[in-house]
Amino acid sequence: MREASVGHQCPECVAAGRRSVRPARTTFGGSAAGQHGYVSIALIVLNVGVALLGAAMAGGGSLFSGGFFSNASAIQAYGGVIGGYVTLTPLGQVAGGAFPDAGTVIPGVYDGAYYRLITAMFIHYGPLHLLLNMWALWVLGRSLEGALGPIRFLALYVISGLGGNVAALLVSPNSLTAGASTALFGLFAALFVVMRRLRRDTSSVIPILVINLVITFLVPGISIAGHLGGLVTGGFVAAGLAYAPKEHRTAVQVAVCAGVTVALLAMVFAVSA
């Protein structure tokens, strides 16, 4: 028996009652499970795990040794996604054509390595790069996942990252770029769109977005196309998720996500054919 507010109920009655009650949904049709932030946490764990894997493949020893915080030592000892240009980094960056690395020619997107458009958003160039991006993901992810639900949030994140990586590829096919920033700029745009849709004050979002855009243009070595591509893609996808009519909400949301993904891949295939 199961304890109820008045007396007790049999397990079969409780199960039957649960089947008749619709699960709670967010304003945008997502599952209320997004309030726990499971997808955001999983993405952070995945990014950190890739970083540790890259360090392990480089044979750098303990991540907490003194040399880890020295650029020269980190590049020499840790390589990969933690330090210099070895192990996972050349295998997963956005790269147009093939390029040599340690005597081996590594294929680029134009040579069929399309997976780079996804893997690049999970690779970072150092501990600071990783730390800043994961902090931003934690802050933005919890709010958006709670509002959109886990599935819609994950779709937004991946498509935004894809959009930023496609933009980086099209604008600078010979540059090697990586990082979660493409997806994070999409989350910045999405947060603005979602808050506007909920008629909440967006004055706290705009300054942060402007600061990040200024950094994008002023700091050398940052992929401007990647950041702007993620921003535009995330804004477009978020608009489709937030403003879909309630009567056909899920169908419209799926159509927008699928349409944006197909359009991005079509651009890649058009230039790589």
Protein backbone atom coordinates (compact mmCIF):
# COMPACT_ATOMS: atom_id res chain seq x y z
CA MET A 1 0.00 0.00 0.00
CA ARG A 2 1.04 3.58 -0.65
CA GLU A 3 0.47 6.31 1.90
CA ALA A 4 -1.88 9.03 0.63
CA SER A 5 -3.06 12.36 2.03
CA VAL A 6 -6.06 10.47 3.42
CA GLY A 7 -5.54 6.80 4.21
CA HIS A 8 -3.67 4.45 1.84
CA GLN A 9 -3.90 3.40 -1.82
CA CYS A 10 -2.94 0.21 -3.58
CA PRO A 11 0.04 0.38 -6.01
CA GLU A 12 -2.23 -0.36 -8.99
CA CYS A 13 -4.46 2.61 -8.12
CA VAL A 14 -1.45 4.90 -7.80
CA ALA A 15 -0.10 3.76 -11.19
CA ALA A 16 -3.48 4.26 -12.84
CA GLY A 17 -3.72 7.74 -11.39
CA ARG A 18 -0.28 8.69 -12.66
CA ARG A 19 -1.20 7.58 -16.18
CA SER A 20 -4.18 9.91 -16.19
CA VAL A 21 -2.15 12.96 -15.15
CA ARG A 22 -0.25 14.81 -17.86
CA PRO A 23 3.44 15.38 -17.01
CA ALA A 24 4.45 18.93 -16.21
CA ARG A 25 5.74 20.97 -19.16
CA THR A 26 7.59 24.23 -19.48
CA THR A 27 6.22 27.27 -21.28
CA PHE A 28 7.93 26.07 -24.46
CA GLY A 29 6.73 22.48 -24.26
CA GLY A 30 9.82 20.92 -22.71
CA SER A 31 10.03 18.46 -19.86
CA ALA A 32 10.22 19.91 -16.37
CA ALA A 33 13.23 17.62 -15.81
CA GLY A 34 15.30 20.40 -17.35
CA GLN A 35 15.15 22.22 -14.03
CA HIS A 36 17.71 19.74 -12.69
CA GLY A 37 20.27 20.73 -15.32
CA TYR A 38 21.24 17.17 -16.20
CA VAL A 39 22.16 17.99 -19.82
CA SER A 40 24.26 21.00 -18.79
CA ILE A 41 26.12 18.87 -16.28
CA ALA A 42 26.62 16.10 -18.84
CA LEU A 43 28.04 18.57 -21.37
CA ILE A 44 30.47 19.94 -18.80
CA VAL A 45 31.55 16.43 -17.83
CA LEU A 46 32.03 15.56 -21.51
CA ASN A 47 34.18 18.64 -22.17
CA VAL A 48 36.32 18.04 -19.10
CA GLY A 49 36.58 14.35 -19.96
CA VAL A 50 37.86 15.16 -23.44
CA ALA A 51 40.43 17.50 -21.91
CA LEU A 52 41.65 14.80 -19.52
CA LEU A 53 41.74 12.26 -22.33
CA GLY A 54 43.87 14.59 -24.42
CA ALA A 55 46.24 15.09 -21.52
CA ALA A 56 46.46 11.35 -20.92
CA MET A 57 47.18 10.67 -24.59
CA ALA A 58 49.95 13.25 -24.46
CA GLY A 59 51.52 11.40 -21.51
CA GLY A 60 51.84 14.52 -19.40
CA GLY A 61 51.50 12.97 -15.95
CA SER A 62 49.61 14.72 -13.15
CA LEU A 63 47.40 17.63 -14.15
CA PHE A 64 48.17 19.32 -10.86
CA SER A 65 51.92 19.48 -11.20
CA GLY A 66 53.52 22.90 -11.09
CA GLY A 67 54.35 22.92 -14.77
CA PHE A 68 50.69 22.71 -15.71
CA PHE A 69 50.24 26.42 -15.16
CA SER A 70 53.32 27.34 -17.13
CA ASN A 71 52.54 27.86 -20.82
CA ALA A 72 55.85 26.44 -22.00
CA SER A 73 55.63 23.39 -19.74
CA ALA A 74 51.97 22.84 -20.55
CA ILE A 75 52.57 22.94 -24.28
CA GLN A 76 55.51 20.58 -24.01
CA ALA A 77 54.14 18.17 -21.43
CA TYR A 78 50.38 18.12 -21.76
CA GLY A 79 49.69 18.78 -25.42
CA GLY A 80 46.33 17.91 -26.92
CA VAL A 81 43.36 19.83 -25.69
CA ILE A 82 45.15 20.95 -22.52
CA GLY A 83 48.33 22.34 -23.99
CA GLY A 84 49.93 22.37 -27.39
CA TYR A 85 49.06 21.10 -30.80
CA VAL A 86 49.16 17.30 -30.47
CA THR A 87 46.92 14.26 -29.73
CA LEU A 88 43.21 15.09 -29.90
CA THR A 89 43.60 18.66 -31.09
CA PRO A 90 44.56 18.06 -34.73
CA LEU A 91 42.05 15.23 -34.96
CA GLY A 92 39.05 17.27 -33.89
CA GLN A 93 39.52 20.92 -34.85
CA VAL A 94 37.58 22.60 -37.63
CA ALA A 95 39.84 22.38 -40.66
CA GLY A 96 38.98 22.73 -44.33
CA GLY A 97 41.68 20.89 -46.22
CA ALA A 98 44.13 18.20 -45.21
CA PHE A 99 47.22 19.30 -43.29
CA PRO A 100 50.39 17.61 -42.08
CA ASP A 101 51.07 16.85 -38.44
CA ALA A 102 54.18 15.03 -37.21
CA GLY A 103 54.73 13.58 -40.65
CA THR A 104 51.13 12.40 -41.03
CA VAL A 105 48.58 13.98 -43.35
CA ILE A 106 45.32 14.51 -41.45
CA PRO A 107 42.12 14.94 -43.51
CA GLY A 108 39.97 18.05 -43.18
CA VAL A 109 36.25 18.62 -43.71
CA TYR A 110 36.71 19.02 -47.46
CA ASP A 111 38.34 15.58 -47.48
CA GLY A 112 35.36 13.94 -45.82
CA ALA A 113 36.13 14.56 -42.12
CA TYR A 114 32.70 16.09 -41.48
CA TYR A 115 32.79 14.91 -37.87
CA ARG A 116 35.08 17.88 -37.15
CA LEU A 117 32.04 20.19 -37.24
CA ILE A 118 30.84 18.44 -34.06
CA THR A 119 34.02 17.36 -32.29
CA ALA A 120 35.52 20.85 -32.46
CA MET A 121 33.00 22.18 -29.94
CA PHE A 122 34.34 19.78 -27.29
CA ILE A 123 38.05 20.59 -27.67
CA HIS A 124 39.87 23.43 -25.88
CA TYR A 125 43.29 25.00 -26.15
CA GLY A 126 44.19 25.21 -22.49
CA PRO A 127 42.91 25.13 -18.91
CA LEU A 128 41.83 28.79 -18.96
CA HIS A 129 39.96 28.34 -22.23
CA LEU A 130 38.20 25.29 -20.82
CA LEU A 131 37.45 26.89 -17.45
CA LEU A 132 35.89 30.05 -18.89
CA ASN A 133 33.73 28.14 -21.33
CA MET A 134 32.52 25.67 -18.73
CA TRP A 135 31.64 28.47 -16.33
CA ALA A 136 29.59 30.15 -19.08
CA LEU A 137 27.92 26.83 -19.90
CA TRP A 138 27.01 26.31 -16.25
CA VAL A 139 25.49 29.79 -15.92
CA LEU A 140 23.65 29.86 -19.25
CA GLY A 141 22.82 26.18 -19.41
CA ARG A 142 20.89 25.92 -16.18
CA SER A 143 18.58 28.81 -17.08
CA LEU A 144 17.92 27.71 -20.64
CA GLU A 145 17.58 24.02 -19.87
CA GLY A 146 15.06 24.82 -17.17
CA ALA A 147 13.05 26.96 -19.59
CA LEU A 148 13.28 24.78 -22.70
CA GLY A 149 13.56 21.30 -21.26
CA PRO A 150 16.52 18.93 -21.72
CA ILE A 151 15.84 17.76 -25.30
CA ARG A 152 15.18 21.21 -26.76
CA PHE A 153 18.16 22.64 -24.90
CA LEU A 154 20.49 19.94 -26.21
CA ALA A 155 19.26 20.54 -29.75
CA LEU A 156 19.86 24.28 -29.34
CA TYR A 157 23.38 23.71 -28.02
CA VAL A 158 24.48 21.26 -30.72
CA ILE A 159 22.94 23.20 -33.63
CA SER A 160 24.44 26.47 -32.37
CA GLY A 161 27.87 24.87 -32.13
CA LEU A 162 27.42 23.39 -35.60
CA GLY A 163 26.40 26.78 -37.00
CA GLY A 164 29.45 28.47 -35.53
CA ASN A 165 31.79 25.78 -36.83
CA VAL A 166 30.25 25.92 -40.31
CA ALA A 167 30.70 29.70 -40.35
CA ALA A 168 34.34 29.34 -39.27
CA LEU A 169 34.88 26.76 -42.01
CA LEU A 170 33.31 28.89 -44.74
CA VAL A 171 35.09 32.12 -43.79
CA SER A 172 38.51 30.71 -42.86
CA PRO A 173 38.80 27.15 -44.20
CA ASN A 174 42.57 27.08 -43.65
CA SER A 175 42.40 28.17 -40.00
CA LEU A 176 42.27 25.58 -37.24
CA THR A 177 39.57 26.44 -34.71
CA ALA A 178 37.98 24.69 -31.73
CA GLY A 179 36.13 25.38 -28.50
CA ALA A 180 32.64 25.42 -27.02
CA SER A 181 32.35 29.16 -27.68
CA THR A 182 30.39 28.61 -30.89
CA ALA A 183 27.63 26.87 -28.94
CA LEU A 184 27.88 29.29 -26.02
CA PHE A 185 27.32 32.33 -28.23
CA GLY A 186 24.20 30.56 -29.45
CA LEU A 187 23.12 30.22 -25.83
CA PHE A 188 23.69 33.95 -25.28
CA ALA A 189 21.36 34.75 -28.17
CA ALA A 190 18.85 32.15 -27.00
CA LEU A 191 18.76 33.55 -23.48
CA PHE A 192 17.91 36.98 -24.88
CA VAL A 193 15.16 35.54 -27.12
CA VAL A 194 13.66 33.40 -24.36
CA MET A 195 13.61 36.25 -21.86
CA ARG A 196 11.95 38.53 -24.42
CA ARG A 197 9.36 35.85 -25.11
CA LEU A 198 8.66 35.57 -21.38
CA ARG A 199 8.52 39.39 -21.17
CA ARG A 200 11.35 39.54 -18.69
CA ASP A 201 13.95 42.24 -18.33
CA THR A 202 16.89 41.65 -20.69
CA SER A 203 19.02 44.54 -19.48
CA SER A 204 21.38 42.17 -17.67
CA VAL A 205 21.97 40.04 -20.78
CA ILE A 206 22.85 42.79 -23.27
CA PRO A 207 25.98 44.12 -21.49
CA ILE A 208 27.43 40.61 -21.11
CA LEU A 209 26.77 39.87 -24.76
CA VAL A 210 28.32 43.17 -25.84
CA ILE A 211 31.42 42.52 -23.70
CA ASN A 212 31.87 39.10 -25.26
CA LEU A 213 31.47 40.54 -28.76
CA VAL A 214 34.08 43.21 -28.00
CA ILE A 215 36.47 40.53 -26.75
CA THR A 216 35.77 38.53 -29.91
CA PHE A 217 36.86 41.40 -32.16
CA LEU A 218 39.75 42.72 -30.07
CA VAL A 219 41.53 39.62 -28.79
CA PRO A 220 43.74 38.02 -31.46
CA GLY A 221 43.36 34.34 -32.23
CA ILE A 222 39.59 34.20 -31.62
CA SER A 223 37.39 32.92 -34.44
CA ILE A 224 35.13 35.88 -35.17
CA ALA A 225 33.14 33.92 -37.74
CA GLY A 226 32.70 31.04 -35.31
CA HIS A 227 31.32 33.25 -32.56
CA LEU A 228 29.03 35.23 -34.85
CA GLY A 229 27.88 32.08 -36.62
CA GLY A 230 26.93 30.49 -33.32
CA LEU A 231 25.20 33.69 -32.22
CA VAL A 232 23.03 33.94 -35.34
CA THR A 233 22.26 30.23 -35.44
CA GLY A 234 21.35 30.11 -31.76
CA GLY A 235 19.11 33.15 -32.09
CA PHE A 236 17.27 31.66 -35.06
CA VAL A 237 16.76 28.26 -33.41
CA ALA A 238 15.70 29.88 -30.14
CA ALA A 239 13.12 32.00 -31.97
CA GLY A 240 11.67 28.85 -33.49
CA LEU A 241 11.53 27.16 -30.09
CA ALA A 242 10.14 30.14 -28.21
CA TYR A 243 7.60 31.51 -30.71
CA ALA A 244 6.20 28.26 -32.11
CA PRO A 245 2.37 28.34 -31.95
CA LYS A 246 1.00 26.26 -29.11
CA GLU A 247 -1.36 24.29 -31.36
CA HIS A 248 1.49 22.80 -33.43
CA ARG A 249 4.38 23.67 -31.15
CA THR A 250 6.39 20.45 -31.24
CA ALA A 251 6.01 20.04 -35.01
CA VAL A 252 7.16 23.61 -35.67
CA GLN A 253 10.08 23.29 -33.25
CA VAL A 254 11.25 20.06 -34.87
CA ALA A 255 10.88 21.60 -38.33
CA VAL A 256 12.96 24.65 -37.36
CA CYS A 257 15.76 22.57 -35.82
CA ALA A 258 15.81 20.14 -38.73
CA GLY A 259 15.61 22.93 -41.30
CA VAL A 260 18.53 24.86 -39.81
CA THR A 261 20.63 21.69 -39.58
CA VAL A 262 19.91 20.74 -43.19
CA ALA A 263 20.71 24.28 -44.37
CA LEU A 264 24.05 24.26 -42.54
CA LEU A 265 25.04 20.86 -43.89
CA ALA A 266 23.95 21.87 -47.40
CA MET A 267 26.33 24.83 -47.28
CA VAL A 268 29.18 22.55 -46.23
CA PHE A 269 28.47 20.00 -48.96
CA ALA A 270 28.13 22.79 -51.54
CA VAL A 271 31.65 24.11 -50.90
CA SER A 272 33.26 20.72 -50.34
CA ALA A 273 31.82 18.97 -53.38
